[in-house]
């Protein structure tokens, strides 16, 4: 399945490489997007699109949702389906 995930609670210094490293064990990464401020720092959220299995996706959510990373508590959930229309 192709799964787009909303990732919240990210630290300002998180990079796309950090995100790729964090999620690559759960499937093939197709896309990483980080919302950035005018200075190029992470605004605290982003999206990852993975080609994965339902089992691996559930493992990812169970492991990372509510987990601490770089001093912040992460939130992971399936991205809204309407993200493509905006």
PDB file of N, CA and C in Angstrom:
ATOM      1  N   UNK A   1       0.843  -1.186   0.000  1.00  0.00           N
ATOM      2  CA  UNK A   1       0.000   0.000   0.000  1.00  0.00           C
ATOM      3  C   UNK A   1       0.882   1.241   0.000  1.00  0.00           C
ATOM      4  N   UNK A   2       0.382   2.295  -0.572  1.00  0.00           N
ATOM      5  CA  UNK A   2       1.058   3.581  -0.489  1.00  0.00           C
ATOM      6  C   UNK A   2       0.384   4.346   0.641  1.00  0.00           C
ATOM      7  N   UNK A   3       1.166   4.729   1.637  1.00  0.00           N
ATOM      8  CA  UNK A   3       0.615   5.361   2.838  1.00  0.00           C
ATOM      9  C   UNK A   3       1.245   6.730   3.046  1.00  0.00           C
ATOM     10  N   UNK A   4       0.430   7.766   3.097  1.00  0.00           N
ATOM     11  CA  UNK A   4       0.922   9.111   3.392  1.00  0.00           C
ATOM     12  C   UNK A   4       0.614   9.387   4.849  1.00  0.00           C
ATOM     13  N   UNK A   5       1.646   9.747   5.605  1.00  0.00           N
ATOM     14  CA  UNK A   5       1.513   9.959   7.042  1.00  0.00           C
ATOM     15  C   UNK A   5       1.786  11.403   7.412  1.00  0.00           C
ATOM     16  N   UNK A   6       0.952  11.936   8.284  1.00  0.00           N
ATOM     17  CA  UNK A   6       1.201  13.235   8.909  1.00  0.00           C
ATOM     18  C   UNK A   6       2.090  12.977  10.116  1.00  0.00           C
ATOM     19  N   UNK A   7       3.178  13.742  10.225  1.00  0.00           N
ATOM     20  CA  UNK A   7       4.092  13.622  11.356  1.00  0.00           C
ATOM     21  C   UNK A   7       4.131  14.972  12.055  1.00  0.00           C
ATOM     22  N   UNK A   8       3.668  15.027  13.297  1.00  0.00           N
ATOM     23  CA  UNK A   8       3.674  16.263  14.069  1.00  0.00           C
ATOM     24  C   UNK A   8       4.625  16.158  15.241  1.00  0.00           C
ATOM     25  N   UNK A   9       4.851  17.279  15.890  1.00  0.00           N
ATOM     26  CA  UNK A   9       5.719  17.313  17.064  1.00  0.00           C
ATOM     27  C   UNK A   9       7.193  17.234  16.722  1.00  0.00           C
ATOM     28  N   UNK A  10       7.571  17.715  15.548  1.00  0.00           N
ATOM     29  CA  UNK A  10       8.969  17.647  15.133  1.00  0.00           C
ATOM     30  C   UNK A  10       9.768  18.830  15.675  1.00  0.00           C
ATOM     31  N   UNK A  11      11.028  18.580  15.985  1.00  0.00           N
ATOM     32  CA  UNK A  11      11.925  19.635  16.454  1.00  0.00           C
ATOM     33  C   UNK A  11      12.313  20.544  15.286  1.00  0.00           C
ATOM     34  N   UNK A  12      12.723  21.767  15.594  1.00  0.00           N
ATOM     35  CA  UNK A  12      13.087  22.745  14.567  1.00  0.00           C
ATOM     36  C   UNK A  12      14.254  22.294  13.697  1.00  0.00           C
ATOM     37  N   UNK A  13      15.141  21.452  14.262  1.00  0.00           N
ATOM     38  CA  UNK A  13      16.343  21.056  13.521  1.00  0.00           C
ATOM     39  C   UNK A  13      16.195  19.745  12.739  1.00  0.00           C
ATOM     40  N   UNK A  14      14.991  19.184  12.660  1.00  0.00           N
ATOM     41  CA  UNK A  14      14.766  17.956  11.895  1.00  0.00           C
ATOM     42  C   UNK A  14      14.915  18.264  10.400  1.00  0.00           C
ATOM     43  N   UNK A  15      15.595  17.364   9.680  1.00  0.00           N
ATOM     44  CA  UNK A  15      15.798  17.515   8.237  1.00  0.00           C
ATOM     45  C   UNK A  15      15.090  16.382   7.485  1.00  0.00           C
ATOM     46  N   UNK A  16      15.002  16.519   6.175  1.00  0.00           N
ATOM     47  CA  UNK A  16      14.412  15.451   5.378  1.00  0.00           C
ATOM     48  C   UNK A  16      15.249  14.177   5.497  1.00  0.00           C
ATOM     49  N   UNK A  17      16.559  14.312   5.602  1.00  0.00           N
ATOM     50  CA  UNK A  17      17.429  13.137   5.786  1.00  0.00           C
ATOM     51  C   UNK A  17      17.126  12.442   7.110  1.00  0.00           C
ATOM     52  N   UNK A  18      16.885  13.223   8.154  1.00  0.00           N
ATOM     53  CA  UNK A  18      16.500  12.643   9.452  1.00  0.00           C
ATOM     54  C   UNK A  18      15.213  11.835   9.305  1.00  0.00           C
ATOM     55  N   UNK A  19      14.251  12.404   8.599  1.00  0.00           N
ATOM     56  CA  UNK A  19      12.957  11.736   8.412  1.00  0.00           C
ATOM     57  C   UNK A  19      13.130  10.443   7.614  1.00  0.00           C
ATOM     58  N   UNK A  20      13.918  10.501   6.558  1.00  0.00           N
ATOM     59  CA  UNK A  20      14.167   9.304   5.757  1.00  0.00           C
ATOM     60  C   UNK A  20      14.803   8.218   6.611  1.00  0.00           C
ATOM     61  N   UNK A  21      15.791   8.584   7.408  1.00  0.00           N
ATOM     62  CA  UNK A  21      16.452   7.623   8.276  1.00  0.00           C
ATOM     63  C   UNK A  21      15.517   7.024   9.310  1.00  0.00           C
ATOM     64  N   UNK A  22      14.608   7.821   9.793  1.00  0.00           N
ATOM     65  CA  UNK A  22      13.671   7.387  10.825  1.00  0.00           C
ATOM     66  C   UNK A  22      12.628   6.406  10.293  1.00  0.00           C
ATOM     67  N   UNK A  23      12.204   6.571   9.046  1.00  0.00           N
ATOM     68  CA  UNK A  23      11.080   5.800   8.524  1.00  0.00           C
ATOM     69  C   UNK A  23      11.445   4.737   7.488  1.00  0.00           C
ATOM     70  N   UNK A  24      12.678   4.693   7.015  1.00  0.00           N
ATOM     71  CA  UNK A  24      13.025   3.780   5.927  1.00  0.00           C
ATOM     72  C   UNK A  24      12.882   2.304   6.281  1.00  0.00           C
ATOM     73  N   UNK A  25      12.946   1.953   7.542  1.00  0.00           N
ATOM     74  CA  UNK A  25      12.828   0.542   7.918  1.00  0.00           C
ATOM     75  C   UNK A  25      11.384   0.025   7.816  1.00  0.00           C
ATOM     76  N   UNK A  26      10.426   0.919   7.558  1.00  0.00           N
ATOM     77  CA  UNK A  26       9.022   0.520   7.482  1.00  0.00           C
ATOM     78  C   UNK A  26       8.499   0.416   6.057  1.00  0.00           C
ATOM     79  N   UNK A  27       9.346   0.689   5.091  1.00  0.00           N
ATOM     80  CA  UNK A  27       8.942   0.589   3.692  1.00  0.00           C
ATOM     81  C   UNK A  27       9.786   1.499   2.829  1.00  0.00           C
ATOM     82  N   UNK A  28       9.488   1.506   1.547  1.00  0.00           N
ATOM     83  CA  UNK A  28      10.216   2.352   0.615  1.00  0.00           C
ATOM     84  C   UNK A  28       9.663   3.774   0.674  1.00  0.00           C
ATOM     85  N   UNK A  29      10.529   4.720   0.938  1.00  0.00           N
ATOM     86  CA  UNK A  29      10.101   6.121   1.037  1.00  0.00           C
ATOM     87  C   UNK A  29       9.930   6.690  -0.367  1.00  0.00           C
ATOM     88  N   UNK A  30       8.736   7.212  -0.614  1.00  0.00           N
ATOM     89  CA  UNK A  30       8.427   7.811  -1.905  1.00  0.00           C
ATOM     90  C   UNK A  30       8.562   9.330  -1.868  1.00  0.00           C
ATOM     91  N   UNK A  31       8.270   9.926  -0.703  1.00  0.00           N
ATOM     92  CA  UNK A  31       8.285  11.386  -0.616  1.00  0.00           C
ATOM     93  C   UNK A  31       8.399  11.808   0.846  1.00  0.00           C
ATOM     94  N   UNK A  32       9.154  12.869   1.079  1.00  0.00           N
ATOM     95  CA  UNK A  32       9.233  13.486   2.406  1.00  0.00           C
ATOM     96  C   UNK A  32       9.029  14.981   2.221  1.00  0.00           C
ATOM     97  N   UNK A  33       8.119  15.548   3.000  1.00  0.00           N
ATOM     98  CA  UNK A  33       7.878  16.989   2.969  1.00  0.00           C
ATOM     99  C   UNK A  33       7.925  17.513   4.394  1.00  0.00           C
ATOM    100  N   UNK A  34       8.740  18.539   4.616  1.00  0.00           N
ATOM    101  CA  UNK A  34       8.775  19.225   5.906  1.00  0.00           C
ATOM    102  C   UNK A  34       8.283  20.645   5.710  1.00  0.00           C
ATOM    103  N   UNK A  35       7.359  21.089   6.542  1.00  0.00           N
ATOM    104  CA  UNK A  35       6.925  22.486   6.533  1.00  0.00           C
ATOM    105  C   UNK A  35       8.044  23.294   7.179  1.00  0.00           C
ATOM    106  N   UNK A  36       8.489  24.349   6.479  1.00  0.00           N
ATOM    107  CA  UNK A  36       9.614  25.157   6.980  1.00  0.00           C
ATOM    108  C   UNK A  36       9.226  26.615   7.110  1.00  0.00           C
ATOM    109  N   UNK A  37       9.884  27.281   8.056  1.00  0.00           N
ATOM    110  CA  UNK A  37       9.652  28.712   8.223  1.00  0.00           C
ATOM    111  C   UNK A  37      10.565  29.494   7.269  1.00  0.00           C
ATOM    112  N   UNK A  38      10.518  30.816   7.335  1.00  0.00           N
ATOM    113  CA  UNK A  38      11.298  31.650   6.415  1.00  0.00           C
ATOM    114  C   UNK A  38      12.808  31.464   6.587  1.00  0.00           C
ATOM    115  N   UNK A  39      13.229  30.990   7.740  1.00  0.00           N
ATOM    116  CA  UNK A  39      14.647  30.750   7.986  1.00  0.00           C
ATOM    117  C   UNK A  39      15.085  29.339   7.594  1.00  0.00           C
ATOM    118  N   UNK A  40      14.149  28.530   7.111  1.00  0.00           N
ATOM    119  CA  UNK A  40      14.465  27.173   6.691  1.00  0.00           C
ATOM    120  C   UNK A  40      14.398  26.127   7.792  1.00  0.00           C
ATOM    121  N   UNK A  41      13.936  26.525   8.978  1.00  0.00           N
ATOM    122  CA  UNK A  41      13.803  25.582  10.091  1.00  0.00           C
ATOM    123  C   UNK A  41      12.440  24.887  10.018  1.00  0.00           C
ATOM    124  N   UNK A  42      12.405  23.668  10.486  1.00  0.00           N
ATOM    125  CA  UNK A  42      11.156  22.902  10.500  1.00  0.00           C
ATOM    126  C   UNK A  42      10.112  23.609  11.363  1.00  0.00           C
ATOM    127  N   UNK A  43       8.888  23.694  10.872  1.00  0.00           N
ATOM    128  CA  UNK A  43       7.795  24.329  11.613  1.00  0.00           C
ATOM    129  C   UNK A  43       7.099  23.370  12.573  1.00  0.00           C
ATOM    130  N   UNK A  44       7.607  22.143  12.690  1.00  0.00           N
ATOM    131  CA  UNK A  44       7.046  21.223  13.665  1.00  0.00           C
ATOM    132  C   UNK A  44       6.211  20.098  13.086  1.00  0.00           C
ATOM    133  N   UNK A  45       6.044  20.081  11.748  1.00  0.00           N
ATOM    134  CA  UNK A  45       5.288  18.994  11.150  1.00  0.00           C
ATOM    135  C   UNK A  45       5.761  18.733   9.731  1.00  0.00           C
ATOM    136  N   UNK A  46       5.368  17.571   9.237  1.00  0.00           N
ATOM    137  CA  UNK A  46       5.710  17.192   7.874  1.00  0.00           C
ATOM    138  C   UNK A  46       4.910  15.970   7.463  1.00  0.00           C
ATOM    139  N   UNK A  47       5.234  15.449   6.288  1.00  0.00           N
ATOM    140  CA  UNK A  47       4.548  14.288   5.736  1.00  0.00           C
ATOM    141  C   UNK A  47       5.572  13.324   5.154  1.00  0.00           C
ATOM    142  N   UNK A  48       5.291  12.042   5.295  1.00  0.00           N
ATOM    143  CA  UNK A  48       6.108  10.994   4.686  1.00  0.00           C
ATOM    144  C   UNK A  48       5.163  10.081   3.913  1.00  0.00           C
ATOM    145  N   UNK A  49       5.537   9.766   2.675  1.00  0.00           N
ATOM    146  CA  UNK A  49       4.788   8.800   1.881  1.00  0.00           C
ATOM    147  C   UNK A  49       5.630   7.543   1.746  1.00  0.00           C
ATOM    148  N   UNK A  50       5.062   6.412   2.165  1.00  0.00           N
ATOM    149  CA  UNK A  50       5.753   5.124   2.156  1.00  0.00           C
ATOM    150  C   UNK A  50       4.999   4.111   1.307  1.00  0.00           C
ATOM    151  N   UNK A  51       5.751   3.299   0.570  1.00  0.00           N
ATOM    152  CA  UNK A  51       5.191   2.070   0.008  1.00  0.00           C
ATOM    153  C   UNK A  51       5.484   0.999   1.039  1.00  0.00           C
ATOM    154  N   UNK A  52       4.437   0.458   1.651  1.00  0.00           N
ATOM    155  CA  UNK A  52       4.610  -0.438   2.781  1.00  0.00           C
ATOM    156  C   UNK A  52       3.466  -1.445   2.843  1.00  0.00           C
ATOM    157  N   UNK A  53       3.480  -2.274   3.852  1.00  0.00           N
ATOM    158  CA  UNK A  53       2.365  -3.193   4.093  1.00  0.00           C
ATOM    159  C   UNK A  53       1.551  -2.641   5.262  1.00  0.00           C
ATOM    160  N   UNK A  54       0.325  -3.097   5.400  1.00  0.00           N
ATOM    161  CA  UNK A  54      -0.497  -2.644   6.532  1.00  0.00           C
ATOM    162  C   UNK A  54       0.167  -2.995   7.860  1.00  0.00           C
ATOM    163  N   UNK A  55       0.767  -4.178   7.916  1.00  0.00           N
ATOM    164  CA  UNK A  55       1.435  -4.622   9.143  1.00  0.00           C
ATOM    165  C   UNK A  55       2.597  -3.696   9.504  1.00  0.00           C
ATOM    166  N   UNK A  56       3.428  -3.340   8.525  1.00  0.00           N
ATOM    167  CA  UNK A  56       4.567  -2.443   8.781  1.00  0.00           C
ATOM    168  C   UNK A  56       4.075  -1.039   9.147  1.00  0.00           C
ATOM    169  N   UNK A  57       3.001  -0.593   8.495  1.00  0.00           N
ATOM    170  CA  UNK A  57       2.434   0.726   8.812  1.00  0.00           C
ATOM    171  C   UNK A  57       1.964   0.756  10.261  1.00  0.00           C
ATOM    172  N   UNK A  58       1.260  -0.280  10.703  1.00  0.00           N
ATOM    173  CA  UNK A  58       0.789  -0.348  12.080  1.00  0.00           C
ATOM    174  C   UNK A  58       1.959  -0.378  13.062  1.00  0.00           C
ATOM    175  N   UNK A  59       3.015  -1.094  12.700  1.00  0.00           N
ATOM    176  CA  UNK A  59       4.215  -1.144  13.538  1.00  0.00           C
ATOM    177  C   UNK A  59       4.827   0.253  13.688  1.00  0.00           C
ATOM    178  N   UNK A  60       4.881   0.979  12.587  1.00  0.00           N
ATOM    179  CA  UNK A  60       5.430   2.340  12.575  1.00  0.00           C
ATOM    180  C   UNK A  60       4.631   3.261  13.497  1.00  0.00           C
ATOM    181  N   UNK A  61       3.308   3.224  13.360  1.00  0.00           N
ATOM    182  CA  UNK A  61       2.438   4.075  14.181  1.00  0.00           C
ATOM    183  C   UNK A  61       2.577   3.702  15.657  1.00  0.00           C
ATOM    184  N   UNK A  62       2.561   2.415  15.952  1.00  0.00           N
ATOM    185  CA  UNK A  62       2.666   1.950  17.334  1.00  0.00           C
ATOM    186  C   UNK A  62       3.991   2.379  17.964  1.00  0.00           C
ATOM    187  N   UNK A  63       5.065   2.270  17.194  1.00  0.00           N
ATOM    188  CA  UNK A  63       6.386   2.598  17.715  1.00  0.00           C
ATOM    189  C   UNK A  63       6.604   4.100  17.899  1.00  0.00           C
ATOM    190  N   UNK A  64       6.182   4.891  16.925  1.00  0.00           N
ATOM    191  CA  UNK A  64       6.528   6.312  16.921  1.00  0.00           C
ATOM    192  C   UNK A  64       5.462   7.264  17.465  1.00  0.00           C
ATOM    193  N   UNK A  65       4.188   6.914  17.408  1.00  0.00           N
ATOM    194  CA  UNK A  65       3.157   7.827  17.898  1.00  0.00           C
ATOM    195  C   UNK A  65       3.294   7.977  19.412  1.00  0.00           C
ATOM    196  N   UNK A  66       3.566   9.187  19.856  1.00  0.00           N
ATOM    197  CA  UNK A  66       3.758   9.459  21.279  1.00  0.00           C
ATOM    198  C   UNK A  66       5.187   9.271  21.753  1.00  0.00           C
ATOM    199  N   UNK A  67       6.082   8.867  20.843  1.00  0.00           N
ATOM    200  CA  UNK A  67       7.487   8.661  21.212  1.00  0.00           C
ATOM    201  C   UNK A  67       8.244   9.991  21.201  1.00  0.00           C
ATOM    202  N   UNK A  68       9.273  10.080  22.026  1.00  0.00           N
ATOM    203  CA  UNK A  68      10.111  11.284  22.050  1.00  0.00           C
ATOM    204  C   UNK A  68      11.189  11.173  20.982  1.00  0.00           C
ATOM    205  N   UNK A  69      11.412  12.292  20.288  1.00  0.00           N
ATOM    206  CA  UNK A  69      12.476  12.376  19.294  1.00  0.00           C
ATOM    207  C   UNK A  69      13.015  13.792  19.316  1.00  0.00           C
ATOM    208  N   UNK A  70      14.290  13.930  19.580  1.00  0.00           N
ATOM    209  CA  UNK A  70      14.966  15.236  19.651  1.00  0.00           C
ATOM    210  C   UNK A  70      14.269  16.165  20.637  1.00  0.00           C
ATOM    211  N   UNK A  71      13.782  15.597  21.737  1.00  0.00           N
ATOM    212  CA  UNK A  71      13.176  16.388  22.798  1.00  0.00           C
ATOM    213  C   UNK A  71      11.698  16.685  22.638  1.00  0.00           C
ATOM    214  N   UNK A  72      11.104  16.297  21.529  1.00  0.00           N
ATOM    215  CA  UNK A  72       9.675  16.544  21.293  1.00  0.00           C
ATOM    216  C   UNK A  72       8.913  15.228  21.229  1.00  0.00           C
ATOM    217  N   UNK A  73       7.613  15.278  21.473  1.00  0.00           N
ATOM    218  CA  UNK A  73       6.767  14.092  21.385  1.00  0.00           C
ATOM    219  C   UNK A  73       6.122  14.062  19.999  1.00  0.00           C
ATOM    220  N   UNK A  74       6.384  12.982  19.271  1.00  0.00           N
ATOM    221  CA  UNK A  74       5.883  12.842  17.907  1.00  0.00           C
ATOM    222  C   UNK A  74       4.419  12.412  17.888  1.00  0.00           C
ATOM    223  N   UNK A  75       3.734  12.849  16.846  1.00  0.00           N
ATOM    224  CA  UNK A  75       2.358  12.411  16.580  1.00  0.00           C
ATOM    225  C   UNK A  75       2.343  11.895  15.145  1.00  0.00           C
ATOM    226  N   UNK A  76       1.865  10.679  14.956  1.00  0.00           N
ATOM    227  CA  UNK A  76       1.800  10.096  13.622  1.00  0.00           C
ATOM    228  C   UNK A  76       0.379   9.613  13.371  1.00  0.00           C
ATOM    229  N   UNK A  77      -0.137   9.988  12.219  1.00  0.00           N
ATOM    230  CA  UNK A  77      -1.462   9.513  11.818  1.00  0.00           C
ATOM    231  C   UNK A  77      -1.546   9.523  10.303  1.00  0.00           C
ATOM    232  N   UNK A  78      -2.515   8.798   9.792  1.00  0.00           N
ATOM    233  CA  UNK A  78      -2.735   8.791   8.349  1.00  0.00           C
ATOM    234  C   UNK A  78      -3.122  10.197   7.907  1.00  0.00           C
ATOM    235  N   UNK A  79      -2.470  10.677   6.849  1.00  0.00           N
ATOM    236  CA  UNK A  79      -2.770  12.013   6.349  1.00  0.00           C
ATOM    237  C   UNK A  79      -4.177  12.045   5.767  1.00  0.00           C
ATOM    238  N   UNK A  80      -4.822  13.194   5.874  1.00  0.00           N
ATOM    239  CA  UNK A  80      -6.156  13.364   5.277  1.00  0.00           C
ATOM    240  C   UNK A  80      -6.085  13.095   3.789  1.00  0.00           C
ATOM    241  N   UNK A  81      -7.096  12.457   3.272  1.00  0.00           N
ATOM    242  CA  UNK A  81      -7.123  12.110   1.847  1.00  0.00           C
ATOM    243  C   UNK A  81      -7.236  13.355   0.953  1.00  0.00           C
ATOM    244  N   UNK A  82      -7.715  14.455   1.482  1.00  0.00           N
ATOM    245  CA  UNK A  82      -7.899  15.648   0.667  1.00  0.00           C
ATOM    246  C   UNK A  82      -6.625  16.458   0.458  1.00  0.00           C
ATOM    247  N   UNK A  83      -5.481  15.988   0.930  1.00  0.00           N
ATOM    248  CA  UNK A  83      -4.238  16.734   0.773  1.00  0.00           C
ATOM    249  C   UNK A  83      -3.884  16.953  -0.699  1.00  0.00           C
ATOM    250  N   UNK A  84      -4.322  16.054  -1.586  1.00  0.00           N
ATOM    251  CA  UNK A  84      -4.004  16.181  -2.997  1.00  0.00           C
ATOM    252  C   UNK A  84      -4.798  17.283  -3.680  1.00  0.00           C
ATOM    253  N   UNK A  85      -5.924  17.639  -3.131  1.00  0.00           N
ATOM    254  CA  UNK A  85      -6.780  18.621  -3.773  1.00  0.00           C
ATOM    255  C   UNK A  85      -6.489  20.047  -3.342  1.00  0.00           C
ATOM    256  N   UNK A  86      -5.595  20.210  -2.389  1.00  0.00           N
ATOM    257  CA  UNK A  86      -5.300  21.565  -1.885  1.00  0.00           C
ATOM    258  C   UNK A  86      -4.111  22.163  -2.614  1.00  0.00           C
TER     259      UNK A  86
END
